[in-house]
Amino acid sequence: MEQVLGYIVTVLLGLCVGSFLNVLIYRIPKGENFVSSRSHCMSCGHELAWYDMFPVLSFVFLRGRCRYCKEKLSVQYPLIEAANGALWGLCFYRYGLSMMGILCAGLLSALIVLAVIDARTMEIPFGINVFIMILAVVKVVSELICSVTKRGMIHSFLYQCAGDEVSPLFKFIFFMGRNDTGHFRSYIDSLIDSEGIGPVHILITHLIGLCAVSGAMLLILLISKGRGIGGGDVKLMAASGLFLGWKLTILSLFLGCIVGSVIHLIRMKVSGAGKVLAMGPYLALGIGVNALFGSDLIFAYVSAVR
């Protein structure tokens, strides 16, 4: 029963935050105030009452039209709200009510805003990248604290944060091979118990993540003078790299590039889209998938090839 209640509360909160994400998506590109300014209809400008802003339900009850001017409302509103609610539900499923779950939920919400704005404007808002960087710093600091304390609920948090991130470099330094079962999660447990995962390993993992992909992308940016890639993409991969660590960041880039290439080739063939594409949405997809299930994907791959 508590688990069901947890899902309900988490999804409802996600829906409410999704409504705010719509505000960000509309106002950030226009440079409008999204903190103190009241919500209003985009067509007639009428300020919306509290009963006009129930996530998803208001759109359904009003039949997709403004209560005041009767203009059609964008289907984006319920879609963003529903998507954010569903993603927050996945965060609760994956991490429960933990610091990692909260940070992951914040990351996914930021990625939604980033992806939609970049798809429309070909620009990634600097403020969104700053927000992701703040989440990453909080995550790293939390992991460092947990690596020192190692007990009770904090032990469980480290287990969730570290996932299956046991780097070959770390194995080499401590002359430790994988455990007999080959399961990295069991290996994580043994390392925690033996105080193997320490601050140095955590810092190395995340600092390499900060630089590994973003550094290569920065070189492309400089060599191509901005024609090959955008500065916002570089900042995104730096911030998300610090959040995810180096392995999941590389996997995020790989997944984003594959999906982006396939989808854009289809768009070029079907709808005549140009050669230039916004990479933000596809990078955001790769980052989001790996924030939720990246450790499981790596574990599945390692298990399959051994």
Protein backbone atom coordinates (compact mmCIF):
# COMPACT_ATOMS: atom_id res chain seq x y z
CA MET A 1 0.00 0.00 0.00
CA GLU A 2 2.82 2.41 0.85
CA GLN A 3 4.45 1.61 -2.48
CA VAL A 4 1.25 2.38 -4.39
CA LEU A 5 0.80 5.62 -2.46
CA GLY A 6 4.39 6.53 -3.27
CA TYR A 7 3.76 6.07 -6.99
CA ILE A 8 0.55 8.14 -6.86
CA VAL A 9 2.15 11.05 -5.00
CA THR A 10 5.25 11.00 -7.21
CA VAL A 11 3.28 10.98 -10.47
CA LEU A 12 0.94 13.74 -9.27
CA LEU A 13 3.91 15.89 -8.30
CA GLY A 14 5.44 15.14 -11.70
CA LEU A 15 2.26 16.27 -13.44
CA CYS A 16 2.25 19.55 -11.50
CA VAL A 17 5.92 20.20 -12.27
CA GLY A 18 5.16 19.33 -15.90
CA SER A 19 2.76 22.27 -15.97
CA PHE A 20 5.61 24.54 -14.90
CA LEU A 21 7.84 23.00 -17.57
CA ASN A 22 5.37 24.23 -20.19
CA VAL A 23 5.80 27.74 -18.80
CA LEU A 24 9.59 27.43 -19.10
CA ILE A 25 9.38 26.08 -22.63
CA TYR A 26 7.27 29.03 -23.75
CA ARG A 27 8.93 31.87 -21.83
CA ILE A 28 12.66 31.09 -21.80
CA PRO A 29 13.17 31.57 -25.58
CA LYS A 30 11.25 34.86 -25.37
CA GLY A 31 13.18 36.06 -22.36
CA GLU A 32 10.00 36.44 -20.31
CA ASN A 33 9.83 36.27 -16.52
CA PHE A 34 8.76 32.79 -15.42
CA VAL A 35 9.00 33.33 -11.65
CA SER A 36 6.60 36.10 -10.68
CA SER A 37 4.49 36.58 -13.81
CA ARG A 38 1.06 34.91 -13.72
CA SER A 39 0.10 32.18 -16.20
CA HIS A 40 -2.03 33.43 -19.07
CA CYS A 41 -3.58 32.34 -22.35
CA MET A 42 -1.10 32.58 -25.22
CA SER A 43 -3.83 33.83 -27.57
CA CYS A 44 -5.89 36.39 -25.63
CA GLY A 45 -3.52 37.06 -22.73
CA HIS A 46 -6.20 36.47 -20.08
CA GLU A 47 -4.77 35.42 -16.72
CA LEU A 48 -5.68 31.86 -15.88
CA ALA A 49 -7.55 30.96 -12.71
CA TRP A 50 -6.36 28.12 -10.48
CA TYR A 51 -9.09 25.83 -11.82
CA ASP A 52 -7.78 26.35 -15.36
CA MET A 53 -4.41 24.84 -14.52
CA PHE A 54 -5.06 21.29 -13.39
CA PRO A 55 -2.46 19.19 -15.25
CA VAL A 56 -3.97 17.22 -18.15
CA LEU A 57 -7.50 17.39 -16.66
CA SER A 58 -8.04 21.07 -17.51
CA PHE A 59 -7.15 20.39 -21.14
CA VAL A 60 -9.62 17.50 -21.24
CA PHE A 61 -12.48 19.34 -19.49
CA LEU A 62 -12.02 22.43 -21.66
CA ARG A 63 -11.84 20.22 -24.77
CA GLY A 64 -8.53 21.70 -25.77
CA ARG A 65 -9.75 25.31 -25.93
CA CYS A 66 -9.20 28.44 -23.88
CA ARG A 67 -12.08 29.06 -21.47
CA TYR A 68 -12.08 32.78 -22.34
CA CYS A 69 -11.32 33.21 -26.07
CA LYS A 70 -12.14 29.65 -27.22
CA GLU A 71 -8.89 29.39 -29.20
CA LYS A 72 -7.40 25.92 -29.51
CA LEU A 73 -4.75 25.05 -26.97
CA SER A 74 -1.55 23.32 -28.00
CA VAL A 75 -1.53 19.58 -27.40
CA GLN A 76 1.97 20.17 -26.06
CA TYR A 77 0.55 21.10 -22.66
CA PRO A 78 -0.97 17.74 -21.67
CA LEU A 79 1.80 15.81 -23.42
CA ILE A 80 4.58 17.52 -21.46
CA GLU A 81 2.65 17.17 -18.20
CA ALA A 82 1.92 13.49 -18.80
CA ALA A 83 5.49 12.78 -19.91
CA ASN A 84 6.97 14.40 -16.82
CA GLY A 85 4.56 12.54 -14.56
CA ALA A 86 5.46 9.22 -16.20
CA LEU A 87 9.20 9.91 -15.96
CA TRP A 88 8.94 10.81 -12.29
CA GLY A 89 7.08 7.53 -11.80
CA LEU A 90 9.99 5.74 -13.44
CA CYS A 91 12.39 7.52 -11.10
CA PHE A 92 10.42 6.25 -8.13
CA TYR A 93 10.38 2.74 -9.64
CA ARG A 94 14.14 2.81 -10.22
CA TYR A 95 15.41 4.57 -7.11
CA GLY A 96 12.51 4.84 -4.68
CA LEU A 97 12.25 7.85 -2.38
CA SER A 98 15.95 8.62 -2.24
CA MET A 99 18.33 11.45 -3.02
CA MET A 100 19.21 9.77 -6.30
CA GLY A 101 15.53 9.54 -7.21
CA ILE A 102 15.03 13.25 -6.54
CA LEU A 103 18.13 14.26 -8.50
CA CYS A 104 17.19 12.00 -11.40
CA ALA A 105 13.67 13.47 -11.50
CA GLY A 106 15.12 16.98 -11.63
CA LEU A 107 17.50 15.94 -14.41
CA LEU A 108 14.75 14.40 -16.53
CA SER A 109 12.53 17.46 -16.15
CA ALA A 110 15.40 19.72 -17.23
CA LEU A 111 16.05 17.47 -20.24
CA ILE A 112 12.42 17.79 -21.34
CA VAL A 113 12.64 21.58 -21.36
CA LEU A 114 16.02 21.51 -23.07
CA ALA A 115 14.91 19.07 -25.76
CA VAL A 116 11.76 20.97 -26.75
CA ILE A 117 13.43 24.38 -26.80
CA ASP A 118 16.41 23.12 -28.81
CA ALA A 119 14.13 21.37 -31.30
CA ARG A 120 12.31 24.67 -31.89
CA THR A 121 15.11 27.23 -31.70
CA MET A 122 18.32 25.24 -32.33
CA GLU A 123 19.63 26.67 -29.06
CA ILE A 124 20.09 25.08 -25.64
CA PRO A 125 19.37 27.56 -22.82
CA PHE A 126 22.46 28.19 -20.73
CA GLY A 127 20.39 28.27 -17.55
CA ILE A 128 19.21 24.68 -18.09
CA ASN A 129 22.80 23.48 -18.39
CA VAL A 130 23.66 25.38 -15.21
CA PHE A 131 20.76 23.67 -13.42
CA ILE A 132 21.98 20.22 -14.56
CA MET A 133 25.49 21.10 -13.39
CA ILE A 134 24.13 22.02 -9.95
CA LEU A 135 22.33 18.66 -9.76
CA ALA A 136 25.57 16.95 -10.74
CA VAL A 137 27.56 18.73 -8.03
CA VAL A 138 24.95 17.77 -5.42
CA LYS A 139 25.10 14.14 -6.60
CA VAL A 140 28.89 13.97 -6.45
CA VAL A 141 29.02 15.59 -3.01
CA SER A 142 26.35 13.17 -1.78
CA GLU A 143 28.32 10.21 -3.06
CA LEU A 144 31.48 11.51 -1.41
CA ILE A 145 29.68 11.83 1.92
CA CYS A 146 28.25 8.33 1.54
CA SER A 147 31.63 6.85 0.69
CA VAL A 148 32.94 8.09 4.01
CA THR A 149 30.01 7.11 6.24
CA LYS A 150 29.07 3.71 4.74
CA ARG A 151 26.29 2.52 6.98
CA GLY A 152 22.56 1.97 7.14
CA MET A 153 20.45 4.02 4.73
CA ILE A 154 23.55 5.83 3.46
CA HIS A 155 25.06 2.50 2.42
CA SER A 156 21.88 1.86 0.40
CA PHE A 157 22.12 5.31 -1.19
CA LEU A 158 25.71 4.70 -2.30
CA TYR A 159 24.63 1.38 -3.78
CA GLN A 160 22.02 3.20 -5.86
CA CYS A 161 24.30 6.05 -6.85
CA ALA A 162 27.26 3.89 -7.79
CA GLY A 163 25.13 1.38 -9.68
CA ASP A 164 27.47 -0.83 -11.63
CA GLU A 165 30.16 1.80 -12.06
CA VAL A 166 33.27 -0.21 -11.33
CA SER A 167 35.90 1.05 -13.73
CA PRO A 168 38.73 -1.06 -15.13
CA LEU A 169 41.13 1.58 -13.80
CA PHE A 170 39.79 1.06 -10.28
CA LYS A 171 40.14 -2.71 -10.59
CA PHE A 172 43.74 -2.32 -11.74
CA ILE A 173 44.69 0.05 -8.94
CA PHE A 174 43.40 -2.29 -6.25
CA PHE A 175 44.47 -5.53 -8.03
CA MET A 176 40.96 -6.90 -7.80
CA GLY A 177 39.20 -8.94 -10.43
CA ARG A 178 35.47 -9.44 -10.79
CA ASN A 179 33.70 -11.73 -8.36
CA ASP A 180 32.97 -15.35 -9.29
CA THR A 181 29.37 -14.64 -10.29
CA GLY A 182 30.37 -11.83 -12.62
CA HIS A 183 27.69 -9.53 -11.22
CA PHE A 184 28.88 -5.99 -10.79
CA ARG A 185 26.25 -5.22 -8.15
CA SER A 186 27.63 -8.01 -5.97
CA TYR A 187 31.06 -6.65 -6.72
CA ILE A 188 29.91 -3.18 -5.61
CA ASP A 189 28.72 -4.66 -2.31
CA SER A 190 32.05 -6.34 -1.70
CA LEU A 191 33.93 -3.14 -2.47
CA ILE A 192 31.75 -1.10 -0.13
CA ASP A 193 32.20 -3.64 2.63
CA SER A 194 35.95 -3.59 2.15
CA GLU A 195 36.04 0.19 1.84
CA GLY A 196 37.13 -0.15 -1.77
CA ILE A 197 34.99 2.61 -3.24
CA GLY A 198 36.40 5.79 -1.83
CA PRO A 199 36.41 9.52 -2.59
CA VAL A 200 39.25 9.21 -5.10
CA HIS A 201 37.40 6.68 -7.23
CA ILE A 202 34.20 8.72 -7.14
CA LEU A 203 35.99 11.94 -8.10
CA ILE A 204 37.90 10.26 -10.92
CA THR A 205 34.74 8.67 -12.32
CA HIS A 206 32.81 11.93 -12.41
CA LEU A 207 35.64 14.25 -13.40
CA ILE A 208 36.49 12.04 -16.37
CA GLY A 209 32.78 12.10 -17.19
CA LEU A 210 32.91 15.90 -17.08
CA CYS A 211 35.70 16.05 -19.65
CA ALA A 212 35.61 12.87 -21.74
CA VAL A 213 32.79 13.61 -24.18
CA SER A 214 32.59 17.38 -23.78
CA GLY A 215 36.32 17.72 -24.42
CA ALA A 216 36.09 15.87 -27.74
CA MET A 217 33.01 17.89 -28.68
CA LEU A 218 34.83 21.13 -27.80
CA LEU A 219 37.61 20.22 -30.23
CA ILE A 220 35.03 19.65 -32.96
CA LEU A 221 33.45 22.98 -32.11
CA LEU A 222 36.76 24.82 -32.38
CA ILE A 223 37.93 23.04 -35.53
CA SER A 224 34.62 23.48 -37.35
CA LYS A 225 34.16 27.03 -35.99
CA GLY A 226 30.68 26.16 -34.77
CA ARG A 227 29.51 24.45 -37.95
CA GLY A 228 29.93 20.89 -36.71
CA ILE A 229 28.38 21.20 -33.27
CA GLY A 230 26.89 23.80 -30.96
CA GLY A 231 28.32 25.22 -27.77
CA GLY A 232 25.16 24.27 -25.89
CA ASP A 233 25.73 20.61 -26.74
CA VAL A 234 29.25 20.82 -25.31
CA LYS A 235 27.99 22.34 -22.06
CA LEU A 236 25.19 19.77 -21.86
CA MET A 237 27.59 16.84 -22.12
CA ALA A 238 29.93 18.42 -19.57
CA ALA A 239 27.15 18.87 -17.01
CA SER A 240 25.55 15.49 -17.66
CA GLY A 241 28.99 13.87 -17.72
CA LEU A 242 29.65 15.07 -14.21
CA PHE A 243 26.25 13.71 -13.19
CA LEU A 244 26.53 10.29 -14.84
CA GLY A 245 30.22 9.47 -14.76
CA TRP A 246 32.36 8.62 -17.77
CA LYS A 247 30.91 5.26 -18.81
CA LEU A 248 27.28 6.32 -18.87
CA THR A 249 28.19 9.60 -20.57
CA ILE A 250 29.90 7.81 -23.44
CA LEU A 251 26.94 5.46 -23.70
CA SER A 252 24.59 8.48 -23.73
CA LEU A 253 26.49 10.04 -26.63
CA PHE A 254 26.47 6.77 -28.55
CA LEU A 255 22.75 6.25 -28.06
CA GLY A 256 21.92 9.88 -28.88
CA CYS A 257 23.96 9.84 -32.09
CA ILE A 258 22.47 6.55 -33.30
CA VAL A 259 18.86 7.58 -32.63
CA GLY A 260 19.43 11.09 -33.98
CA SER A 261 20.99 9.81 -37.21
CA VAL A 262 18.22 7.31 -37.88
CA ILE A 263 15.37 9.70 -37.11
CA HIS A 264 16.86 12.61 -39.05
CA LEU A 265 17.55 10.48 -42.11
CA ILE A 266 13.89 9.44 -42.03
CA ARG A 267 12.82 13.08 -41.68
CA MET A 268 15.03 14.07 -44.61
CA LYS A 269 13.47 11.35 -46.74
CA VAL A 270 9.84 11.82 -45.69
CA SER A 271 9.44 15.52 -44.91
CA GLY A 272 12.42 17.04 -46.72
CA ALA A 273 14.18 18.23 -43.56
CA GLY A 274 17.54 19.92 -44.05
CA LYS A 275 20.91 18.44 -43.18
CA VAL A 276 21.28 20.51 -40.02
CA LEU A 277 19.65 18.95 -36.97
CA ALA A 278 19.26 19.89 -33.33
CA MET A 279 21.29 17.36 -31.36
CA GLY A 280 19.90 18.44 -28.00
CA PRO A 281 16.76 16.27 -28.07
CA TYR A 282 18.71 13.15 -29.00
CA LEU A 283 21.47 13.76 -26.48
CA ALA A 284 18.77 14.38 -23.87
CA LEU A 285 17.20 11.03 -24.78
CA GLY A 286 20.52 9.23 -24.32
CA ILE A 287 21.21 10.99 -21.02
CA GLY A 288 17.72 10.28 -19.69
CA VAL A 289 17.80 6.60 -20.60
CA ASN A 290 21.19 6.14 -18.96
CA ALA A 291 20.25 8.11 -15.85
CA LEU A 292 17.44 5.60 -15.34
CA PHE A 293 18.74 2.34 -16.75
CA GLY A 294 22.35 2.87 -17.85
CA SER A 295 23.84 0.59 -15.19
CA ASP A 296 21.41 -2.16 -16.15
CA LEU A 297 22.32 -1.77 -19.83
CA ILE A 298 26.02 -2.08 -19.03
CA PHE A 299 25.38 -5.07 -16.81
CA ALA A 300 23.30 -6.75 -19.52
CA TYR A 301 26.03 -6.15 -22.10
CA VAL A 302 28.82 -7.43 -19.85
CA SER A 303 26.76 -10.50 -18.97
CA ALA A 304 26.06 -11.20 -22.65
CA VAL A 305 29.68 -11.05 -23.77
CA ARG A 306 31.11 -13.17 -20.95
